[in-house]
Amino acid sequence: LADNHDIISLKLYQLTVERTPEEEKRDREVYLPVVDNLKLPGMEAPLEPMSGLALFLIVFFSLVAIVFAIVIGVIVYNKWQEQSRKHFY
């Protein structure tokens, strides 16, 4: 079973309690957040350079795609030119 309820609001209260220095020290040690293993943005290890084959394939298929797009564009343009010509019958 699943229960989908949205939390609309929270009421938080802070109680002021007199504590001894020993309790303060113990609570500080327990709740002190530690981020030793946190990876910060921009601190990633540098990426390995691409191999020659990968670079060749990327360039080759990019050029094939560009040529294909140009050919399709020329065909569409010629069809448009033929249809927009005025016919005098």
N, C-alpha and C. Protein backbone atom coordinates (compact mmCIF):
# COMPACT_ATOMS: atom_id res chain seq x y z
N LEU A 1 0.83 -1.18 0.00
CA LEU A 1 0.00 0.00 0.00
C LEU A 1 0.87 1.25 0.00
N ALA A 2 0.41 2.23 -0.70
CA ALA A 2 1.13 3.51 -0.74
C ALA A 2 0.19 4.61 -0.28
N ASP A 3 0.76 5.61 0.32
CA ASP A 3 -0.04 6.70 0.85
C ASP A 3 0.58 8.01 0.38
N ASN A 4 -0.08 8.71 -0.52
CA ASN A 4 0.45 9.96 -1.05
C ASN A 4 -0.21 11.14 -0.37
N HIS A 5 0.50 11.73 0.54
CA HIS A 5 0.02 12.93 1.21
C HIS A 5 1.09 13.99 1.06
N ASP A 6 0.67 15.21 0.78
CA ASP A 6 1.61 16.32 0.68
C ASP A 6 1.75 17.00 2.02
N ILE A 7 2.98 17.34 2.34
CA ILE A 7 3.23 18.10 3.56
C ILE A 7 3.02 19.57 3.21
N ILE A 8 2.08 20.20 3.86
CA ILE A 8 1.74 21.58 3.54
C ILE A 8 2.54 22.54 4.42
N SER A 9 2.68 22.23 5.68
CA SER A 9 3.44 23.12 6.55
C SER A 9 3.98 22.33 7.73
N LEU A 10 5.00 22.91 8.34
CA LEU A 10 5.60 22.34 9.54
C LEU A 10 5.68 23.44 10.58
N LYS A 11 5.40 23.09 11.79
CA LYS A 11 5.59 24.03 12.90
C LYS A 11 6.73 23.50 13.75
N LEU A 12 7.76 24.29 13.86
CA LEU A 12 8.92 23.88 14.62
C LEU A 12 9.07 24.82 15.81
N TYR A 13 9.35 24.24 16.94
CA TYR A 13 9.53 25.01 18.16
C TYR A 13 10.88 24.68 18.76
N GLN A 14 11.53 25.68 19.30
CA GLN A 14 12.80 25.46 19.98
C GLN A 14 12.61 25.78 21.45
N LEU A 15 12.88 24.80 22.25
CA LEU A 15 12.73 24.99 23.68
C LEU A 15 14.07 25.40 24.27
N THR A 16 14.04 26.37 25.14
CA THR A 16 15.25 26.81 25.81
C THR A 16 15.37 26.04 27.12
N VAL A 17 16.43 25.27 27.21
CA VAL A 17 16.64 24.44 28.39
C VAL A 17 18.02 24.73 28.93
N GLU A 18 18.12 24.85 30.25
CA GLU A 18 19.41 25.05 30.88
C GLU A 18 20.17 23.73 30.86
N ARG A 19 21.38 23.77 30.31
CA ARG A 19 22.19 22.56 30.23
C ARG A 19 23.53 22.81 30.90
N THR A 20 24.08 21.73 31.39
CA THR A 20 25.41 21.82 31.99
C THR A 20 26.45 21.82 30.87
N PRO A 21 27.65 22.33 31.11
CA PRO A 21 28.70 22.30 30.08
C PRO A 21 29.00 20.89 29.58
N GLU A 22 28.86 19.90 30.45
CA GLU A 22 29.12 18.52 30.04
C GLU A 22 28.08 18.06 29.01
N GLU A 23 26.81 18.42 29.22
CA GLU A 23 25.76 18.07 28.27
C GLU A 23 25.96 18.80 26.94
N GLU A 24 26.38 20.07 27.01
CA GLU A 24 26.64 20.83 25.79
C GLU A 24 27.75 20.18 24.97
N LYS A 25 28.82 19.77 25.64
CA LYS A 25 29.95 19.13 24.96
C LYS A 25 29.51 17.82 24.32
N ARG A 26 28.75 17.03 25.06
CA ARG A 26 28.29 15.74 24.54
C ARG A 26 27.37 15.94 23.33
N ASP A 27 26.44 16.89 23.40
CA ASP A 27 25.52 17.14 22.29
C ASP A 27 26.25 17.70 21.08
N ARG A 28 27.24 18.55 21.30
CA ARG A 28 28.01 19.12 20.19
C ARG A 28 28.77 18.02 19.45
N GLU A 29 29.32 17.07 20.19
CA GLU A 29 30.06 15.97 19.56
C GLU A 29 29.13 15.07 18.76
N VAL A 30 27.93 14.87 19.24
CA VAL A 30 26.99 13.97 18.57
C VAL A 30 26.44 14.60 17.30
N TYR A 31 26.09 15.88 17.35
CA TYR A 31 25.39 16.51 16.23
C TYR A 31 26.28 17.35 15.33
N LEU A 32 27.56 17.34 15.51
CA LEU A 32 28.44 18.13 14.66
C LEU A 32 28.54 17.47 13.29
N PRO A 33 28.08 18.13 12.24
CA PRO A 33 28.11 17.50 10.91
C PRO A 33 29.54 17.45 10.37
N VAL A 34 29.84 16.37 9.68
CA VAL A 34 31.16 16.18 9.10
C VAL A 34 30.97 15.92 7.60
N VAL A 35 31.77 16.59 6.78
CA VAL A 35 31.66 16.43 5.33
C VAL A 35 33.03 16.05 4.74
N ASP A 36 33.68 15.09 5.34
CA ASP A 36 34.99 14.69 4.84
C ASP A 36 34.91 14.04 3.46
N ASN A 37 33.83 13.32 3.18
CA ASN A 37 33.73 12.61 1.91
C ASN A 37 32.86 13.34 0.89
N LEU A 38 32.56 14.60 1.10
CA LEU A 38 31.73 15.37 0.19
C LEU A 38 32.53 15.78 -1.03
N LYS A 39 31.98 15.54 -2.23
CA LYS A 39 32.63 15.98 -3.46
C LYS A 39 32.05 17.34 -3.85
N LEU A 40 32.88 18.33 -3.91
CA LEU A 40 32.44 19.67 -4.25
C LEU A 40 32.33 19.82 -5.76
N PRO A 41 31.41 20.66 -6.24
CA PRO A 41 31.31 20.88 -7.69
C PRO A 41 32.60 21.50 -8.21
N GLY A 42 33.05 21.04 -9.34
CA GLY A 42 34.27 21.55 -9.93
C GLY A 42 35.52 20.87 -9.42
N MET A 43 35.39 19.93 -8.50
CA MET A 43 36.55 19.25 -7.95
C MET A 43 36.68 17.82 -8.51
N GLU A 44 35.98 17.54 -9.61
CA GLU A 44 36.04 16.21 -10.18
C GLU A 44 37.43 15.97 -10.77
N ALA A 45 37.76 14.71 -10.91
CA ALA A 45 39.02 14.35 -11.52
C ALA A 45 38.97 14.73 -13.00
N PRO A 46 40.08 15.15 -13.58
CA PRO A 46 40.06 15.53 -15.00
C PRO A 46 39.72 14.33 -15.87
N LEU A 47 38.97 14.60 -16.93
CA LEU A 47 38.56 13.54 -17.83
C LEU A 47 39.73 13.07 -18.68
N GLU A 48 39.71 11.79 -19.03
CA GLU A 48 40.76 11.26 -19.89
C GLU A 48 40.56 11.81 -21.30
N PRO A 49 41.64 12.10 -22.01
CA PRO A 49 41.47 12.56 -23.38
C PRO A 49 40.92 11.44 -24.26
N MET A 50 40.22 11.84 -25.32
CA MET A 50 39.62 10.84 -26.21
C MET A 50 40.71 10.12 -27.00
N SER A 51 40.42 8.87 -27.31
CA SER A 51 41.35 8.12 -28.13
C SER A 51 41.25 8.63 -29.57
N GLY A 52 42.24 8.29 -30.38
CA GLY A 52 42.25 8.73 -31.77
C GLY A 52 41.09 8.17 -32.56
N LEU A 53 40.73 6.92 -32.30
CA LEU A 53 39.62 6.30 -33.01
C LEU A 53 38.30 6.98 -32.66
N ALA A 54 38.09 7.27 -31.39
CA ALA A 54 36.84 7.92 -30.97
C ALA A 54 36.73 9.31 -31.60
N LEU A 55 37.81 10.05 -31.62
CA LEU A 55 37.81 11.38 -32.22
C LEU A 55 37.53 11.29 -33.71
N PHE A 56 38.16 10.33 -34.39
CA PHE A 56 37.94 10.14 -35.83
C PHE A 56 36.48 9.81 -36.11
N LEU A 57 35.90 8.90 -35.32
CA LEU A 57 34.51 8.51 -35.56
C LEU A 57 33.55 9.68 -35.33
N ILE A 58 33.81 10.47 -34.31
CA ILE A 58 32.95 11.63 -34.03
C ILE A 58 33.02 12.62 -35.19
N VAL A 59 34.21 12.92 -35.66
CA VAL A 59 34.36 13.88 -36.77
C VAL A 59 33.75 13.31 -38.04
N PHE A 60 33.99 12.02 -38.32
CA PHE A 60 33.48 11.39 -39.54
C PHE A 60 31.96 11.42 -39.58
N PHE A 61 31.31 10.97 -38.49
CA PHE A 61 29.85 10.93 -38.49
C PHE A 61 29.25 12.33 -38.43
N SER A 62 29.95 13.28 -37.86
CA SER A 62 29.47 14.67 -37.88
C SER A 62 29.47 15.20 -39.30
N LEU A 63 30.54 14.94 -40.04
CA LEU A 63 30.61 15.39 -41.44
C LEU A 63 29.55 14.70 -42.29
N VAL A 64 29.34 13.39 -42.08
CA VAL A 64 28.31 12.67 -42.83
C VAL A 64 26.94 13.29 -42.55
N ALA A 65 26.66 13.61 -41.30
CA ALA A 65 25.37 14.20 -40.94
C ALA A 65 25.21 15.58 -41.56
N ILE A 66 26.27 16.37 -41.59
CA ILE A 66 26.20 17.71 -42.20
C ILE A 66 25.93 17.60 -43.69
N VAL A 67 26.64 16.70 -44.38
CA VAL A 67 26.44 16.51 -45.82
C VAL A 67 25.01 16.02 -46.08
N PHE A 68 24.53 15.09 -45.28
CA PHE A 68 23.17 14.59 -45.43
C PHE A 68 22.16 15.72 -45.27
N ALA A 69 22.35 16.59 -44.27
CA ALA A 69 21.44 17.72 -44.05
C ALA A 69 21.48 18.69 -45.23
N ILE A 70 22.66 18.92 -45.79
CA ILE A 70 22.78 19.83 -46.94
C ILE A 70 22.04 19.25 -48.15
N VAL A 71 22.23 17.95 -48.41
CA VAL A 71 21.56 17.32 -49.56
C VAL A 71 20.04 17.39 -49.39
N ILE A 72 19.54 17.08 -48.20
CA ILE A 72 18.10 17.16 -47.95
C ILE A 72 17.62 18.60 -48.13
N GLY A 73 18.39 19.57 -47.66
CA GLY A 73 18.02 20.98 -47.82
C GLY A 73 17.95 21.39 -49.28
N VAL A 74 18.89 20.95 -50.10
CA VAL A 74 18.89 21.28 -51.53
C VAL A 74 17.68 20.66 -52.21
N ILE A 75 17.37 19.41 -51.88
CA ILE A 75 16.21 18.74 -52.48
C ILE A 75 14.92 19.48 -52.11
N VAL A 76 14.75 19.83 -50.86
CA VAL A 76 13.55 20.55 -50.42
C VAL A 76 13.46 21.91 -51.10
N TYR A 77 14.58 22.60 -51.21
CA TYR A 77 14.59 23.92 -51.86
C TYR A 77 14.20 23.81 -53.33
N ASN A 78 14.72 22.80 -54.03
CA ASN A 78 14.37 22.62 -55.45
C ASN A 78 12.89 22.29 -55.61
N LYS A 79 12.35 21.44 -54.74
CA LYS A 79 10.91 21.14 -54.80
C LYS A 79 10.09 22.40 -54.57
N TRP A 80 10.51 23.22 -53.62
CA TRP A 80 9.79 24.46 -53.33
C TRP A 80 9.85 25.41 -54.53
N GLN A 81 11.02 25.48 -55.18
CA GLN A 81 11.17 26.34 -56.35
C GLN A 81 10.26 25.87 -57.49
N GLU A 82 10.16 24.56 -57.71
CA GLU A 82 9.30 24.04 -58.77
C GLU A 82 7.83 24.35 -58.50
N GLN A 83 7.41 24.23 -57.26
CA GLN A 83 6.01 24.46 -56.93
C GLN A 83 5.65 25.94 -56.93
N SER A 84 6.62 26.80 -56.68
CA SER A 84 6.32 28.23 -56.62
C SER A 84 6.41 28.90 -58.00
N ARG A 85 6.85 28.17 -59.01
CA ARG A 85 6.92 28.73 -60.37
C ARG A 85 5.51 28.99 -60.88
N LYS A 86 5.37 30.08 -61.57
CA LYS A 86 4.05 30.38 -62.14
C LYS A 86 3.88 29.61 -63.44
N HIS A 87 2.75 29.01 -63.56
CA HIS A 87 2.45 28.24 -64.76
C HIS A 87 1.43 29.00 -65.60
N PHE A 88 1.76 29.20 -66.86
CA PHE A 88 0.83 29.86 -67.77
C PHE A 88 0.35 28.80 -68.75
N TYR A 89 -0.84 28.28 -68.52
CA TYR A 89 -1.39 27.27 -69.42
C TYR A 89 -2.42 27.91 -70.28
